[in-house]
């Protein structure tokens, strides 16, 4: 059974309480890995630059925690950096604290199972 039904209403709108819009792009499908060699509708997220910058810092924080406990965090760390770069580009000359640099990867703490109470 497919995970989506193309006959369902097509979502498009703002997220309550967050300056963000989420919708499905039915016109320009994205290439996907599963199923192989296929294209599917893309989920599109629109937000102001400072929201994207804040989200990049949230992603980076999650990856810092994941890396501290020994998890692989390379892919989402790349997403955080790319999102921050796009946010800065969109911001132009606007200045927002959310557009600050991400902490360097070398500043990640190492947590071992014995450290967790």
N, C-alpha and C. Protein backbone atom coordinates (compact mmCIF):
# COMPACT_ATOMS: atom_id res chain seq x y z
N UNK A 1 0.84 -1.17 0.00
CA UNK A 1 0.00 0.00 0.00
C UNK A 1 0.89 1.25 0.00
N UNK A 2 0.62 2.23 -0.86
CA UNK A 2 1.44 3.43 -0.90
C UNK A 2 1.29 4.24 0.38
N UNK A 3 2.33 5.00 0.70
CA UNK A 3 2.30 5.80 1.92
C UNK A 3 1.58 7.13 1.72
N UNK A 4 1.07 7.36 0.54
CA UNK A 4 0.37 8.60 0.27
C UNK A 4 -0.78 8.34 -0.70
N UNK A 5 -1.76 9.19 -0.67
CA UNK A 5 -2.92 9.07 -1.53
C UNK A 5 -3.05 10.38 -2.30
N UNK A 6 -2.84 10.32 -3.60
CA UNK A 6 -2.85 11.54 -4.41
C UNK A 6 -4.23 12.17 -4.50
N UNK A 7 -5.28 11.46 -4.05
CA UNK A 7 -6.63 12.02 -4.07
C UNK A 7 -6.96 12.79 -2.79
N UNK A 8 -6.09 12.74 -1.79
CA UNK A 8 -6.34 13.46 -0.54
C UNK A 8 -6.20 14.96 -0.77
N UNK A 9 -6.80 15.77 0.12
CA UNK A 9 -6.62 17.23 0.00
C UNK A 9 -5.14 17.58 0.03
N UNK A 10 -4.78 18.56 -0.72
CA UNK A 10 -3.37 18.96 -0.81
C UNK A 10 -3.07 20.03 0.24
N UNK A 11 -2.22 19.69 1.22
CA UNK A 11 -1.94 20.66 2.29
C UNK A 11 -1.17 21.86 1.77
N UNK A 12 -1.53 22.99 2.29
CA UNK A 12 -0.83 24.23 1.97
C UNK A 12 -1.23 25.23 3.04
N UNK A 13 -0.30 25.70 3.79
CA UNK A 13 -0.67 26.71 4.76
C UNK A 13 0.38 26.97 5.80
N UNK A 14 0.04 27.91 6.66
CA UNK A 14 0.94 28.32 7.73
C UNK A 14 0.86 27.36 8.89
N UNK A 15 1.96 27.25 9.61
CA UNK A 15 2.01 26.45 10.82
C UNK A 15 1.63 27.39 11.97
N UNK A 16 0.56 27.08 12.72
CA UNK A 16 0.15 27.98 13.81
C UNK A 16 1.27 28.19 14.82
N UNK A 17 1.53 29.45 15.16
CA UNK A 17 2.53 29.79 16.16
C UNK A 17 3.96 29.83 15.65
N UNK A 18 4.18 29.48 14.39
CA UNK A 18 5.53 29.50 13.81
C UNK A 18 5.45 30.21 12.47
N UNK A 19 6.41 31.07 12.20
CA UNK A 19 6.43 31.76 10.91
C UNK A 19 6.96 30.79 9.86
N UNK A 20 6.07 29.92 9.39
CA UNK A 20 6.48 28.87 8.47
C UNK A 20 5.26 28.42 7.66
N UNK A 21 5.50 28.13 6.41
CA UNK A 21 4.47 27.55 5.55
C UNK A 21 4.97 26.20 5.06
N UNK A 22 4.08 25.23 5.04
CA UNK A 22 4.44 23.89 4.56
C UNK A 22 3.41 23.49 3.52
N UNK A 23 3.89 23.00 2.39
CA UNK A 23 2.98 22.52 1.36
C UNK A 23 3.67 21.45 0.52
N UNK A 24 2.89 20.81 -0.33
CA UNK A 24 3.41 19.77 -1.21
C UNK A 24 3.54 20.35 -2.61
N UNK A 25 4.70 20.20 -3.21
CA UNK A 25 4.94 20.66 -4.58
C UNK A 25 4.63 19.50 -5.53
N UNK A 26 3.46 19.54 -6.09
CA UNK A 26 3.01 18.48 -7.00
C UNK A 26 3.54 18.69 -8.41
N UNK A 27 3.99 19.90 -8.71
CA UNK A 27 4.40 20.24 -10.07
C UNK A 27 5.84 19.83 -10.39
N UNK A 28 6.70 19.83 -9.40
CA UNK A 28 8.12 19.56 -9.63
C UNK A 28 8.59 18.46 -8.68
N UNK A 29 8.33 17.18 -8.99
CA UNK A 29 8.71 16.09 -8.09
C UNK A 29 10.23 16.03 -7.88
N UNK A 30 10.61 15.44 -6.76
CA UNK A 30 12.01 15.31 -6.40
C UNK A 30 12.44 13.85 -6.57
N UNK A 31 13.68 13.65 -7.01
CA UNK A 31 14.20 12.29 -7.14
C UNK A 31 14.41 11.71 -5.75
N UNK A 32 13.97 10.46 -5.55
CA UNK A 32 14.06 9.82 -4.24
C UNK A 32 14.86 8.52 -4.32
N UNK A 33 15.38 8.08 -3.19
CA UNK A 33 16.12 6.82 -3.12
C UNK A 33 15.20 5.62 -2.96
N UNK A 34 14.00 5.84 -2.38
CA UNK A 34 13.09 4.73 -2.11
C UNK A 34 11.68 5.11 -2.55
N UNK A 35 11.14 4.48 -3.55
CA UNK A 35 11.72 3.40 -4.34
C UNK A 35 12.80 3.92 -5.29
N UNK A 36 13.76 3.07 -5.62
CA UNK A 36 14.89 3.50 -6.45
C UNK A 36 14.45 4.04 -7.82
N UNK A 37 15.22 5.00 -8.29
CA UNK A 37 15.02 5.57 -9.64
C UNK A 37 13.61 6.08 -9.86
N UNK A 38 13.08 6.79 -8.88
CA UNK A 38 11.74 7.34 -9.04
C UNK A 38 11.69 8.77 -8.52
N UNK A 39 10.60 9.43 -8.82
CA UNK A 39 10.38 10.81 -8.38
C UNK A 39 9.06 10.86 -7.63
N UNK A 40 9.00 11.68 -6.60
CA UNK A 40 7.81 11.83 -5.78
C UNK A 40 7.57 13.32 -5.52
N UNK A 41 6.33 13.70 -5.17
CA UNK A 41 6.08 15.10 -4.81
C UNK A 41 7.00 15.52 -3.66
N UNK A 42 7.44 16.75 -3.70
CA UNK A 42 8.35 17.27 -2.68
C UNK A 42 7.57 18.00 -1.60
N UNK A 43 8.02 17.88 -0.37
CA UNK A 43 7.47 18.67 0.73
C UNK A 43 8.27 19.96 0.78
N UNK A 44 7.58 21.06 0.67
CA UNK A 44 8.24 22.37 0.63
C UNK A 44 7.98 23.10 1.94
N UNK A 45 9.02 23.72 2.48
CA UNK A 45 8.92 24.50 3.71
C UNK A 45 9.45 25.89 3.42
N UNK A 46 8.62 26.89 3.70
CA UNK A 46 9.03 28.29 3.51
C UNK A 46 9.02 28.97 4.87
N UNK A 47 10.05 29.77 5.12
CA UNK A 47 10.14 30.47 6.40
C UNK A 47 11.04 31.68 6.23
N UNK A 48 10.90 32.69 7.11
CA UNK A 48 11.81 33.82 7.07
C UNK A 48 13.24 33.38 7.40
N UNK A 49 14.18 34.20 7.01
CA UNK A 49 15.60 33.86 7.21
C UNK A 49 15.93 33.59 8.68
N UNK A 50 15.39 34.39 9.59
CA UNK A 50 15.75 34.20 11.00
C UNK A 50 15.16 32.91 11.56
N UNK A 51 14.01 32.46 11.05
CA UNK A 51 13.45 31.18 11.49
C UNK A 51 14.33 30.04 10.96
N UNK A 52 14.77 30.16 9.71
CA UNK A 52 15.67 29.15 9.14
C UNK A 52 16.99 29.11 9.90
N UNK A 53 17.50 30.28 10.28
CA UNK A 53 18.73 30.32 11.06
C UNK A 53 18.55 29.65 12.41
N UNK A 54 17.43 29.93 13.07
CA UNK A 54 17.15 29.29 14.35
C UNK A 54 17.01 27.79 14.21
N UNK A 55 16.35 27.35 13.14
CA UNK A 55 16.20 25.91 12.89
C UNK A 55 17.56 25.26 12.65
N UNK A 56 18.46 25.97 11.97
CA UNK A 56 19.79 25.41 11.73
C UNK A 56 20.52 25.19 13.06
N UNK A 57 20.35 26.11 14.00
CA UNK A 57 20.99 25.95 15.31
C UNK A 57 20.35 24.80 16.09
N UNK A 58 19.04 24.61 15.96
CA UNK A 58 18.37 23.48 16.61
C UNK A 58 18.89 22.16 16.05
N UNK A 59 18.99 22.08 14.73
CA UNK A 59 19.53 20.86 14.11
C UNK A 59 20.96 20.60 14.58
N UNK A 60 21.76 21.65 14.63
CA UNK A 60 23.14 21.52 15.08
C UNK A 60 23.20 21.03 16.52
N UNK A 61 22.32 21.54 17.38
CA UNK A 61 22.28 21.10 18.78
C UNK A 61 21.95 19.62 18.88
N UNK A 62 20.96 19.18 18.10
CA UNK A 62 20.60 17.76 18.12
C UNK A 62 21.77 16.90 17.64
N UNK A 63 22.47 17.36 16.64
CA UNK A 63 23.62 16.61 16.13
C UNK A 63 24.77 16.62 17.13
N UNK A 64 24.91 17.71 17.88
CA UNK A 64 25.94 17.76 18.91
C UNK A 64 25.66 16.71 19.98
N UNK A 65 24.40 16.60 20.39
CA UNK A 65 24.03 15.58 21.38
C UNK A 65 24.27 14.19 20.81
N UNK A 66 23.84 13.98 19.59
CA UNK A 66 24.02 12.68 18.95
C UNK A 66 25.51 12.31 18.84
N UNK A 67 26.32 13.26 18.43
CA UNK A 67 27.76 13.01 18.32
C UNK A 67 28.41 12.78 19.67
N UNK A 68 27.91 13.46 20.71
CA UNK A 68 28.48 13.31 22.04
C UNK A 68 28.28 11.91 22.60
N UNK A 69 27.22 11.25 22.17
CA UNK A 69 26.98 9.89 22.67
C UNK A 69 27.45 8.84 21.68
N UNK A 70 28.23 9.30 20.69
CA UNK A 70 28.87 8.35 19.77
C UNK A 70 28.11 8.05 18.50
N UNK A 71 27.05 8.80 18.22
CA UNK A 71 26.28 8.56 17.00
C UNK A 71 26.90 9.23 15.79
N UNK A 72 26.49 8.79 14.61
CA UNK A 72 26.94 9.40 13.36
C UNK A 72 26.10 10.63 13.12
N UNK A 73 26.73 11.76 12.92
CA UNK A 73 25.97 13.00 12.79
C UNK A 73 26.35 13.81 11.56
N UNK A 74 27.04 13.20 10.61
CA UNK A 74 27.56 13.98 9.50
C UNK A 74 26.47 14.53 8.58
N UNK A 75 25.43 13.74 8.25
CA UNK A 75 24.43 14.20 7.29
C UNK A 75 23.62 15.38 7.80
N UNK A 76 23.11 15.30 9.02
CA UNK A 76 22.28 16.38 9.53
C UNK A 76 23.10 17.60 9.91
N UNK A 77 24.36 17.40 10.24
CA UNK A 77 25.24 18.54 10.48
C UNK A 77 25.42 19.32 9.17
N UNK A 78 25.51 18.60 8.06
CA UNK A 78 25.60 19.25 6.74
C UNK A 78 24.32 20.02 6.44
N UNK A 79 23.18 19.45 6.80
CA UNK A 79 21.90 20.14 6.59
C UNK A 79 21.87 21.43 7.39
N UNK A 80 22.33 21.38 8.64
CA UNK A 80 22.35 22.58 9.49
C UNK A 80 23.20 23.67 8.85
N UNK A 81 24.38 23.30 8.35
CA UNK A 81 25.26 24.30 7.72
C UNK A 81 24.64 24.86 6.44
N UNK A 82 24.04 24.00 5.62
CA UNK A 82 23.42 24.46 4.37
C UNK A 82 22.23 25.36 4.65
N UNK A 83 21.44 25.01 5.67
CA UNK A 83 20.28 25.83 6.02
C UNK A 83 20.71 27.20 6.52
N UNK A 84 21.76 27.25 7.33
CA UNK A 84 22.26 28.54 7.81
C UNK A 84 22.79 29.37 6.65
N UNK A 85 23.49 28.76 5.72
CA UNK A 85 24.01 29.50 4.56
C UNK A 85 22.87 30.08 3.73
N UNK A 86 21.82 29.31 3.51
CA UNK A 86 20.66 29.80 2.75
C UNK A 86 19.96 30.91 3.52
N UNK A 87 19.85 30.76 4.83
CA UNK A 87 19.20 31.79 5.66
C UNK A 87 19.97 33.11 5.57
N UNK A 88 21.28 33.03 5.64
CA UNK A 88 22.10 34.24 5.54
C UNK A 88 21.94 34.89 4.18
N UNK A 89 21.87 34.09 3.14
CA UNK A 89 21.70 34.63 1.80
C UNK A 89 20.34 35.33 1.69
N UNK A 90 19.30 34.70 2.22
CA UNK A 90 17.96 35.29 2.16
C UNK A 90 17.86 36.55 3.01
N UNK A 91 18.61 36.62 4.10
CA UNK A 91 18.53 37.77 5.01
C UNK A 91 19.12 39.03 4.39
N UNK A 92 20.04 38.87 3.46
CA UNK A 92 20.66 40.04 2.85
C UNK A 92 21.37 40.88 3.90
N UNK A 93 20.96 42.14 4.04
CA UNK A 93 21.60 43.03 5.01
C UNK A 93 20.93 43.01 6.38
N UNK A 94 19.86 42.23 6.54
CA UNK A 94 19.20 42.11 7.85
C UNK A 94 20.14 41.41 8.83
N UNK A 95 20.09 41.82 10.07
CA UNK A 95 20.91 41.21 11.12
C UNK A 95 19.99 40.59 12.16
N UNK A 96 20.19 39.31 12.43
CA UNK A 96 19.41 38.59 13.42
C UNK A 96 20.35 37.68 14.21
N UNK A 97 20.14 37.53 15.52
CA UNK A 97 21.01 36.65 16.30
C UNK A 97 20.96 35.20 15.83
N UNK A 98 19.84 34.80 15.23
CA UNK A 98 19.70 33.42 14.75
C UNK A 98 20.66 33.10 13.60
N UNK A 99 21.25 34.13 12.99
CA UNK A 99 22.16 33.93 11.86
C UNK A 99 23.62 33.85 12.30
N UNK A 100 23.84 33.74 13.61
CA UNK A 100 25.21 33.62 14.14
C UNK A 100 25.84 32.31 13.68
N UNK A 101 27.16 32.27 13.70
CA UNK A 101 27.89 31.05 13.32
C UNK A 101 27.48 29.88 14.20
N UNK A 102 27.50 28.69 13.62
CA UNK A 102 27.31 27.47 14.39
C UNK A 102 28.60 27.19 15.16
N UNK A 103 28.51 26.65 16.36
CA UNK A 103 29.74 26.30 17.09
C UNK A 103 30.55 25.29 16.30
N UNK A 104 31.87 25.33 16.41
CA UNK A 104 32.70 24.36 15.67
C UNK A 104 32.47 22.94 16.18
N UNK A 105 32.64 22.00 15.28
CA UNK A 105 32.46 20.58 15.63
C UNK A 105 33.42 20.16 16.72
N UNK A 106 34.59 20.79 16.79
CA UNK A 106 35.58 20.41 17.80
C UNK A 106 35.14 20.75 19.22
N UNK A 107 34.09 21.58 19.36
CA UNK A 107 33.64 21.96 20.70
C UNK A 107 32.62 20.97 21.26
N UNK A 108 32.35 19.90 20.54
CA UNK A 108 31.38 18.91 21.02
C UNK A 108 31.91 18.17 22.24
N UNK A 109 31.07 18.04 23.27
CA UNK A 109 31.49 17.24 24.42
C UNK A 109 31.39 15.76 24.10
N UNK A 110 32.16 14.94 24.78
CA UNK A 110 32.05 13.48 24.65
C UNK A 110 31.32 12.97 25.89
N UNK A 111 30.27 12.23 25.68
CA UNK A 111 29.49 11.67 26.78
C UNK A 111 29.57 10.16 26.68
N UNK A 112 29.90 9.52 27.79
CA UNK A 112 29.93 8.06 27.82
C UNK A 112 28.73 7.59 28.64
N UNK A 113 28.30 6.34 28.46
CA UNK A 113 27.13 5.85 29.20
C UNK A 113 27.21 6.07 30.70
N UNK A 114 28.39 6.02 31.30
CA UNK A 114 28.53 6.25 32.73
C UNK A 114 28.26 7.69 33.14
N UNK A 115 28.31 8.63 32.16
CA UNK A 115 28.05 10.04 32.46
C UNK A 115 26.57 10.34 32.60
N UNK A 116 25.73 9.46 32.10
CA UNK A 116 24.29 9.71 32.10
C UNK A 116 23.68 9.11 33.35
N UNK A 117 23.05 9.95 34.17
CA UNK A 117 22.45 9.46 35.42
C UNK A 117 20.98 9.18 35.24
